[in-house]
């Protein structure tokens, strides 16, 4: 399916490209290089990771409302795999999302011709200059994002969020149809410095939610920084989403696009869209890695809070007790977690952080977690505390 000329225009917002590596393929060096080059030229790249199924790729593209999907395939299964992705997009009513890709020397010219007949928009061959790849992606997959009444389910939610990101917040409300008798969503904001393991902890919390609720849905809004020079972004939190790759999980990546609050300027509208849809019992909102004076969710009363509760996550290597005293959110958070407790410094860190919480005089409990360990009892206790709040209890 060749890109049509009418779509070859510069969009008002950065292009959003989902990239992934198919099943049985662990070669990610090429796609990582292309990801960085796309971001360097102002695109937003949602990287799903390698060894990804067609259904996982299509689900992610729908929820991210991407302009196109880029696949890097070196395992020789491209004729079957690319077609399956294209077919799933068509069957789900999302054929407006194009598929392109490459595979070094594994995809021949004859293969590429057949793949184009079967719906792949473009194949880039080995030796194509990176500048050429970037310019042709920007030319062929640029489009004007507008409301589409035909979209249903997750794609409708995703498009509403995209419109809010584009500054057309007045249009997003009509695209969301609330469910009848929908339960109230609990919204938890999750903040902490970079490297604390927030994304992995969120995925473990999602696993516990999915196990405890056989029919409920969870939503995750993951904020990542845009590059201050190019405006591009690598939105990579989905790489940590092992358990959140589930049909009952809605996962949306947001680039900050110049916002310095730790959240995208569209985050309040995105939260509102998800809440009003009535589709989610729990909504987790991850900020970018925040500093000592950050208050991304309005915890201190200077503005209306965006969330019902805040989880602040630290790792043991925070720098000492004086550094702890500078972190405002340690007194403003409803939940505090010391993650990576398998680290040798964790014992000392646990004592220092608990002493700091005791000084706050708010009865805050420190949750010691190791999110990288499956079935971690600390994550279990943290999830139970969040559920207690959802049921009207206290953190």
Protein backbone atom coordinates (compact mmCIF):
# COMPACT_ATOMS: atom_id res chain seq x y z
CA UNK A 1 0.00 0.00 0.00
CA UNK A 2 1.90 3.04 -1.20
CA UNK A 3 1.62 6.29 0.72
CA UNK A 4 -0.63 8.76 -1.07
CA UNK A 5 0.46 12.21 -2.08
CA UNK A 6 -2.30 13.98 -0.13
CA UNK A 7 -0.72 12.88 3.14
CA UNK A 8 2.75 14.19 2.33
CA UNK A 9 2.56 17.30 4.46
CA UNK A 10 4.26 18.41 7.62
CA UNK A 11 1.92 17.65 10.53
CA UNK A 12 1.29 20.19 13.33
CA UNK A 13 2.77 17.77 15.89
CA UNK A 14 5.75 15.40 15.75
CA UNK A 15 5.27 12.16 13.84
CA UNK A 16 4.72 9.21 16.16
CA UNK A 17 6.38 6.03 14.91
CA UNK A 18 6.16 2.68 16.69
CA UNK A 19 9.22 0.50 16.14
CA UNK A 20 9.65 -3.15 17.06
CA UNK A 21 11.54 -6.34 16.28
CA UNK A 22 9.47 -9.46 15.47
CA UNK A 23 9.28 -12.78 17.23
CA UNK A 24 12.37 -15.02 17.19
CA UNK A 25 14.58 -12.04 16.39
CA UNK A 26 16.92 -10.56 18.98
CA UNK A 27 18.86 -8.21 16.69
CA UNK A 28 18.05 -4.72 17.94
CA UNK A 29 21.23 -2.79 17.09
CA UNK A 30 19.90 -1.59 13.73
CA UNK A 31 16.52 -0.46 15.03
CA UNK A 32 18.16 1.26 18.00
CA UNK A 33 20.35 3.28 15.62
CA UNK A 34 17.32 4.24 13.52
CA UNK A 35 15.31 5.14 16.64
CA UNK A 36 18.01 7.59 17.73
CA UNK A 37 18.24 9.09 14.25
CA UNK A 38 14.48 9.59 14.02
CA UNK A 39 14.40 11.25 17.43
CA UNK A 40 17.35 13.43 16.44
CA UNK A 41 15.22 14.74 13.57
CA UNK A 42 12.24 15.58 15.77
CA UNK A 43 10.13 12.41 15.62
CA UNK A 44 8.60 10.66 18.62
CA UNK A 45 9.60 7.01 18.61
CA UNK A 46 7.71 4.47 20.71
CA UNK A 47 10.04 1.50 20.98
CA UNK A 48 8.34 -1.78 21.83
CA UNK A 49 11.47 -3.94 22.01
CA UNK A 50 12.45 -7.19 20.32
CA UNK A 51 10.84 -10.66 20.14
CA UNK A 52 7.41 -9.04 19.73
CA UNK A 53 4.32 -10.79 18.40
CA UNK A 54 2.15 -9.28 15.68
CA UNK A 55 -0.75 -8.87 18.11
CA UNK A 56 1.44 -7.03 20.63
CA UNK A 57 2.69 -4.69 17.91
CA UNK A 58 -0.81 -3.95 16.61
CA UNK A 59 -2.20 -3.42 20.12
CA UNK A 60 0.58 -0.96 20.90
CA UNK A 61 0.14 0.93 17.62
CA UNK A 62 -3.59 1.31 18.26
CA UNK A 63 -3.17 2.53 21.84
CA UNK A 64 -0.34 4.87 20.87
CA UNK A 65 -2.29 6.18 17.83
CA UNK A 66 0.87 5.99 15.78
CA UNK A 67 1.29 7.31 12.26
CA UNK A 68 3.16 4.19 11.18
CA UNK A 69 4.86 1.00 12.37
CA UNK A 70 8.52 0.32 11.58
CA UNK A 71 9.73 -3.30 11.80
CA UNK A 72 13.32 -4.51 11.75
CA UNK A 73 13.39 -8.17 10.68
CA UNK A 74 16.52 -10.28 10.35
CA UNK A 75 15.10 -13.75 11.03
CA UNK A 76 13.88 -14.51 7.51
CA UNK A 77 10.19 -14.56 8.37
CA UNK A 78 9.35 -11.16 6.92
CA UNK A 79 6.96 -12.35 4.20
CA UNK A 80 4.65 -13.90 6.79
CA UNK A 81 5.18 -11.48 9.67
CA UNK A 82 4.71 -8.17 7.87
CA UNK A 83 1.55 -9.53 6.23
CA UNK A 84 0.15 -10.62 9.60
CA UNK A 85 0.67 -7.15 11.08
CA UNK A 86 -1.00 -5.52 8.06
CA UNK A 87 -3.88 -8.01 8.17
CA UNK A 88 -4.49 -7.47 11.88
CA UNK A 89 -4.58 -3.72 11.36
CA UNK A 90 -7.15 -4.15 8.61
CA UNK A 91 -9.31 -6.56 10.57
CA UNK A 92 -9.36 -4.24 13.56
CA UNK A 93 -10.38 -1.23 11.47
CA UNK A 94 -7.01 0.51 11.77
CA UNK A 95 -5.65 0.19 8.25
CA UNK A 96 -4.79 3.90 8.26
CA UNK A 97 -1.65 2.93 10.22
CA UNK A 98 1.01 2.09 7.64
CA UNK A 99 3.72 -0.55 8.01
CA UNK A 100 7.29 -0.15 6.77
CA UNK A 101 10.60 -1.74 7.66
CA UNK A 102 13.85 -3.31 6.64
CA UNK A 103 16.03 -6.31 7.25
CA UNK A 104 19.56 -5.79 6.06
CA UNK A 105 20.33 -8.38 3.41
CA UNK A 106 17.52 -10.75 4.37
CA UNK A 107 14.78 -8.95 2.40
CA UNK A 108 15.38 -9.18 -1.35
CA UNK A 109 14.00 -6.94 -4.07
CA UNK A 110 11.58 -9.68 -5.08
CA UNK A 111 10.46 -10.05 -1.46
CA UNK A 112 9.89 -6.30 -1.21
CA UNK A 113 7.70 -6.29 -4.32
CA UNK A 114 5.58 -9.10 -2.91
CA UNK A 115 5.36 -7.40 0.48
CA UNK A 116 4.15 -4.19 -1.15
CA UNK A 117 1.43 -6.12 -2.97
CA UNK A 118 0.38 -7.54 0.42
CA UNK A 119 0.15 -4.12 2.06
CA UNK A 120 3.59 -3.10 3.35
CA UNK A 121 4.10 0.56 2.49
CA UNK A 122 7.88 0.66 2.20
CA UNK A 123 11.03 -1.47 2.61
CA UNK A 124 14.40 0.18 3.22
CA UNK A 125 17.36 -1.86 2.03
CA UNK A 126 20.83 -2.27 3.48
CA UNK A 127 23.06 0.66 2.64
CA UNK A 128 20.28 3.25 2.53
CA UNK A 129 21.67 6.42 4.17
CA UNK A 130 20.08 7.29 7.50
CA UNK A 131 19.23 10.80 6.26
CA UNK A 132 17.32 9.25 3.35
CA UNK A 133 15.41 6.92 5.66
CA UNK A 134 14.42 9.82 7.93
CA UNK A 135 13.41 12.19 5.12
CA UNK A 136 11.30 9.55 3.37
CA UNK A 137 9.56 8.52 6.60
CA UNK A 138 8.73 12.16 7.28
CA UNK A 139 7.51 12.61 3.71
CA UNK A 140 5.48 9.42 3.34
CA UNK A 141 3.84 9.09 6.76
CA UNK A 142 3.06 12.67 7.73
CA UNK A 143 -0.63 13.38 8.17
CA UNK A 144 -3.04 15.82 9.75
CA UNK A 145 -4.57 14.28 12.86
CA UNK A 146 -8.29 14.89 13.13
CA UNK A 147 -11.32 13.33 14.84
CA UNK A 148 -12.52 10.06 13.32
CA UNK A 149 -15.99 8.92 14.34
CA UNK A 150 -15.31 5.42 13.00
CA UNK A 151 -12.72 4.69 15.67
CA UNK A 152 -13.93 2.53 18.54
CA UNK A 153 -12.55 1.28 21.83
CA UNK A 154 -8.89 1.90 22.53
CA UNK A 155 -8.31 3.68 19.22
CA UNK A 156 -11.03 6.21 20.01
CA UNK A 157 -9.43 6.89 23.40
CA UNK A 158 -6.01 7.09 21.78
CA UNK A 159 -7.16 9.58 19.13
CA UNK A 160 -8.81 11.74 21.79
CA UNK A 161 -5.49 11.87 23.66
CA UNK A 162 -3.64 12.69 20.44
CA UNK A 163 -5.97 15.62 19.80
CA UNK A 164 -5.37 16.83 23.34
CA UNK A 165 -1.61 16.59 22.73
CA UNK A 166 -2.06 18.70 19.61
CA UNK A 167 -3.72 21.44 21.64
CA UNK A 168 -7.24 20.71 20.44
CA UNK A 169 -8.56 19.80 23.88
CA UNK A 170 -12.01 21.20 23.07
CA UNK A 171 -12.52 18.41 20.55
CA UNK A 172 -11.57 15.39 22.61
CA UNK A 173 -14.67 15.24 24.83
CA UNK A 174 -17.07 14.23 22.06
CA UNK A 175 -14.89 11.25 21.10
CA UNK A 176 -15.30 9.44 24.42
CA UNK A 177 -18.54 7.61 25.17
CA UNK A 178 -18.86 6.91 28.90
CA UNK A 179 -19.96 3.42 29.94
CA UNK A 180 -23.22 3.10 31.82
CA UNK A 181 -22.87 2.34 35.55
CA UNK A 182 -19.10 2.68 35.28
CA UNK A 183 -17.07 2.40 38.46
CA UNK A 184 -14.99 5.35 39.62
CA UNK A 185 -11.33 5.13 38.63
CA UNK A 186 -8.57 5.44 41.22
CA UNK A 187 -5.78 7.58 39.74
CA UNK A 188 -2.28 7.13 41.18
CA UNK A 189 0.61 9.35 40.14
CA UNK A 190 4.05 7.76 40.27
CA UNK A 191 7.15 9.93 40.54
CA UNK A 192 10.80 9.53 41.44
CA UNK A 193 14.28 10.14 40.11
CA UNK A 194 15.47 8.51 36.92
CA UNK A 195 16.78 5.01 37.44
CA UNK A 196 14.59 4.22 40.44
CA UNK A 197 12.78 1.46 38.53
CA UNK A 198 9.40 3.16 38.22
CA UNK A 199 8.48 1.49 34.94
CA UNK A 200 9.30 -2.01 36.18
CA UNK A 201 7.40 -1.38 39.41
CA UNK A 202 4.39 -0.18 37.42
CA UNK A 203 4.46 -3.35 35.34
CA UNK A 204 4.51 -5.48 38.49
CA UNK A 205 1.56 -3.53 39.90
CA UNK A 206 -0.27 -4.09 36.61
CA UNK A 207 0.34 -7.83 36.91
CA UNK A 208 -1.20 -7.90 40.37
CA UNK A 209 -4.19 -5.88 39.20
CA UNK A 210 -4.82 -8.20 36.24
CA UNK A 211 -4.60 -11.26 38.46
CA UNK A 212 -6.90 -9.83 41.11
CA UNK A 213 -9.52 -8.49 38.67
CA UNK A 214 -10.68 -10.97 36.07
CA UNK A 215 -12.67 -8.42 34.06
CA UNK A 216 -11.34 -5.02 35.13
CA UNK A 217 -9.07 -2.78 33.06
CA UNK A 218 -6.01 -0.76 34.00
CA UNK A 219 -4.61 2.28 32.18
CA UNK A 220 -1.02 3.52 32.22
CA UNK A 221 0.10 6.96 31.08
CA UNK A 222 3.89 7.01 30.77
CA UNK A 223 5.54 10.42 30.40
CA UNK A 224 9.01 10.69 28.87
CA UNK A 225 11.10 13.79 28.14
CA UNK A 226 11.35 15.37 24.72
CA UNK A 227 14.80 16.49 23.64
CA UNK A 228 15.04 20.24 24.31
CA UNK A 229 16.97 20.82 21.08
CA UNK A 230 15.32 18.63 18.46
CA UNK A 231 11.87 18.14 19.99
CA UNK A 232 12.11 14.42 19.30
CA UNK A 233 11.74 11.71 21.92
CA UNK A 234 12.47 8.07 22.60
CA UNK A 235 9.37 6.78 24.38
CA UNK A 236 10.73 3.53 25.75
CA UNK A 237 8.62 2.65 28.78
CA UNK A 238 6.80 -0.07 26.86
CA UNK A 239 10.04 -2.05 26.79
CA UNK A 240 9.54 -2.66 30.53
CA UNK A 241 5.86 -3.53 30.07
CA UNK A 242 5.91 -7.32 30.11
CA UNK A 243 2.62 -7.92 31.92
CA UNK A 244 0.96 -4.70 30.78
CA UNK A 245 1.01 -6.08 27.22
CA UNK A 246 -2.49 -7.36 27.77
CA UNK A 247 -5.81 -6.55 26.15
CA UNK A 248 -7.10 -5.38 29.54
CA UNK A 249 -4.26 -2.87 29.87
CA UNK A 250 -4.32 0.45 28.01
CA UNK A 251 -0.81 1.88 27.75
CA UNK A 252 -0.12 5.33 26.29
CA UNK A 253 3.24 7.09 26.04
CA UNK A 254 3.35 10.89 26.26
CA UNK A 255 6.28 13.12 25.35
CA UNK A 256 6.67 16.28 27.44
CA UNK A 257 7.06 18.49 24.31
CA UNK A 258 8.67 21.33 26.27
CA UNK A 259 6.64 21.05 29.45
CA UNK A 260 8.94 21.34 32.48
CA UNK A 261 6.50 19.98 35.07
CA UNK A 262 7.48 16.32 34.73
CA UNK A 263 4.33 15.65 32.71
CA UNK A 264 3.10 16.38 29.23
CA UNK A 265 0.91 19.47 29.03
CA UNK A 266 -1.76 17.07 27.73
CA UNK A 267 -1.58 14.81 30.79
CA UNK A 268 -4.53 16.46 32.61
CA UNK A 269 -6.73 16.04 29.53
CA UNK A 270 -5.52 12.46 29.03
CA UNK A 271 -6.39 11.60 32.63
CA UNK A 272 -9.80 13.18 32.18
CA UNK A 273 -10.41 11.21 28.97
CA UNK A 274 -9.59 7.91 30.66
CA UNK A 275 -11.67 8.70 33.73
CA UNK A 276 -14.73 9.79 31.79
CA UNK A 277 -14.60 6.72 29.58
CA UNK A 278 -15.51 4.63 32.63
CA UNK A 279 -13.43 1.78 31.21
CA UNK A 280 -10.72 1.66 33.88
CA UNK A 281 -10.68 0.74 37.54
CA UNK A 282 -7.10 1.88 38.08
CA UNK A 283 -5.10 4.55 36.24
CA UNK A 284 -1.34 4.84 36.82
CA UNK A 285 0.41 8.02 35.66
CA UNK A 286 4.21 7.91 35.53
CA UNK A 287 6.10 11.21 35.48
CA UNK A 288 9.52 11.65 33.97
CA UNK A 289 12.45 11.33 36.36
CA UNK A 290 11.89 14.23 38.75
CA UNK A 291 14.20 16.31 40.95
CA UNK A 292 14.14 17.60 44.48
CA UNK A 293 11.59 20.40 44.10
CA UNK A 294 9.25 18.71 41.65
CA UNK A 295 5.51 18.50 42.27
CA UNK A 296 4.15 16.99 39.03
CA UNK A 297 0.75 16.03 40.41
CA UNK A 298 -0.10 19.09 42.51
CA UNK A 299 0.46 17.44 45.89
CA UNK A 300 1.04 20.64 47.84
CA UNK A 301 -2.19 22.49 47.14
CA UNK A 302 -0.85 25.13 44.75
CA UNK A 303 -3.28 23.78 42.15
CA UNK A 304 -5.99 21.16 41.96
CA UNK A 305 -4.37 17.72 42.34
CA UNK A 306 -4.34 15.70 39.13
CA UNK A 307 -4.46 12.35 40.94
CA UNK A 308 -6.08 10.70 43.94
CA UNK A 309 -2.77 9.58 45.43
CA UNK A 310 0.96 9.87 44.78
CA UNK A 311 3.54 7.08 44.93
CA UNK A 312 7.13 8.29 45.25
CA UNK A 313 9.82 5.77 44.30
CA UNK A 314 13.47 5.91 45.33
CA UNK A 315 16.44 3.63 44.77
CA UNK A 316 19.14 3.12 47.43
CA UNK A 317 21.72 5.30 45.65
CA UNK A 318 20.12 8.69 46.38
CA UNK A 319 23.26 10.23 47.88
CA UNK A 320 22.76 10.41 51.64
CA UNK A 321 20.51 11.85 54.35
CA UNK A 322 21.05 15.48 53.40
CA UNK A 323 19.80 14.71 49.89
CA UNK A 324 16.68 13.09 51.35
CA UNK A 325 15.90 16.25 53.28
CA UNK A 326 15.76 18.18 50.02
CA UNK A 327 13.14 15.98 48.35
CA UNK A 328 9.80 17.72 48.72
CA UNK A 329 7.68 14.77 47.60
CA UNK A 330 8.85 12.64 50.52
CA UNK A 331 6.47 14.71 52.63
CA UNK A 332 3.77 15.05 49.96
CA UNK A 333 3.47 11.43 48.84
CA UNK A 334 0.74 9.07 49.98
CA UNK A 335 2.94 6.03 49.30
CA UNK A 336 6.74 5.84 49.43
CA UNK A 337 8.66 2.90 47.99
CA UNK A 338 12.35 2.07 48.29
CA UNK A 339 12.90 -0.02 45.19
CA UNK A 340 15.87 -2.21 44.24
CA UNK A 341 16.12 -3.50 47.79
CA UNK A 342 18.46 -6.25 46.63
CA UNK A 343 21.15 -3.56 46.43
CA UNK A 344 23.88 -3.69 49.13
CA UNK A 345 23.03 -0.13 50.22
CA UNK A 346 19.35 -0.93 50.74
CA UNK A 347 19.58 -1.69 54.48
CA UNK A 348 21.05 1.73 55.29
CA UNK A 349 18.76 3.50 52.83
CA UNK A 350 15.70 1.90 54.37
CA UNK A 351 16.60 3.16 57.83
CA UNK A 352 17.40 6.67 56.60
CA UNK A 353 14.23 7.04 54.55
CA UNK A 354 12.00 5.70 57.33
CA UNK A 355 13.59 8.18 59.75
CA UNK A 356 12.83 10.97 57.29
CA UNK A 357 9.20 9.82 56.98
CA UNK A 358 8.87 9.62 60.77
CA UNK A 359 9.98 13.24 61.01
CA UNK A 360 7.14 14.19 58.67
CA UNK A 361 4.68 13.10 61.34
CA UNK A 362 2.12 11.88 58.80
CA UNK A 363 2.22 8.16 59.55
CA UNK A 364 3.79 7.36 56.19
CA UNK A 365 4.88 3.77 55.68
CA UNK A 366 7.92 2.85 53.63
CA UNK A 367 7.38 -0.02 51.22
CA UNK A 368 10.57 -1.96 50.51
CA UNK A 369 10.32 -3.42 47.00
CA UNK A 370 12.45 -5.27 44.47
CA UNK A 371 10.34 -4.95 41.34
CA UNK A 372 12.87 -6.89 39.25
CA UNK A 373 12.08 -10.00 41.31
CA UNK A 374 8.79 -11.63 40.36
CA UNK A 375 6.35 -12.28 43.23
CA UNK A 376 8.23 -9.80 45.42
CA UNK A 377 6.41 -9.56 48.80
CA UNK A 378 7.17 -5.84 49.05
CA UNK A 379 5.35 -5.16 45.77
CA UNK A 380 2.47 -7.31 47.04
CA UNK A 381 2.18 -5.14 50.15
CA UNK A 382 2.35 -1.94 48.11
CA UNK A 383 -0.39 -3.17 45.78
CA UNK A 384 -2.57 -4.15 48.76
CA UNK A 385 -2.14 -0.64 50.20
CA UNK A 386 -3.21 0.93 46.89
CA UNK A 387 -6.26 -1.34 46.75
CA UNK A 388 -7.13 -0.44 50.34
CA UNK A 389 -7.24 3.20 49.28
CA UNK A 390 -9.40 2.31 46.27
CA UNK A 391 -11.90 0.71 48.64
CA UNK A 392 -12.07 3.78 50.87
CA UNK A 393 -9.30 2.94 53.30
CA UNK A 394 -6.11 4.82 54.08
CA UNK A 395 -2.69 4.46 52.38
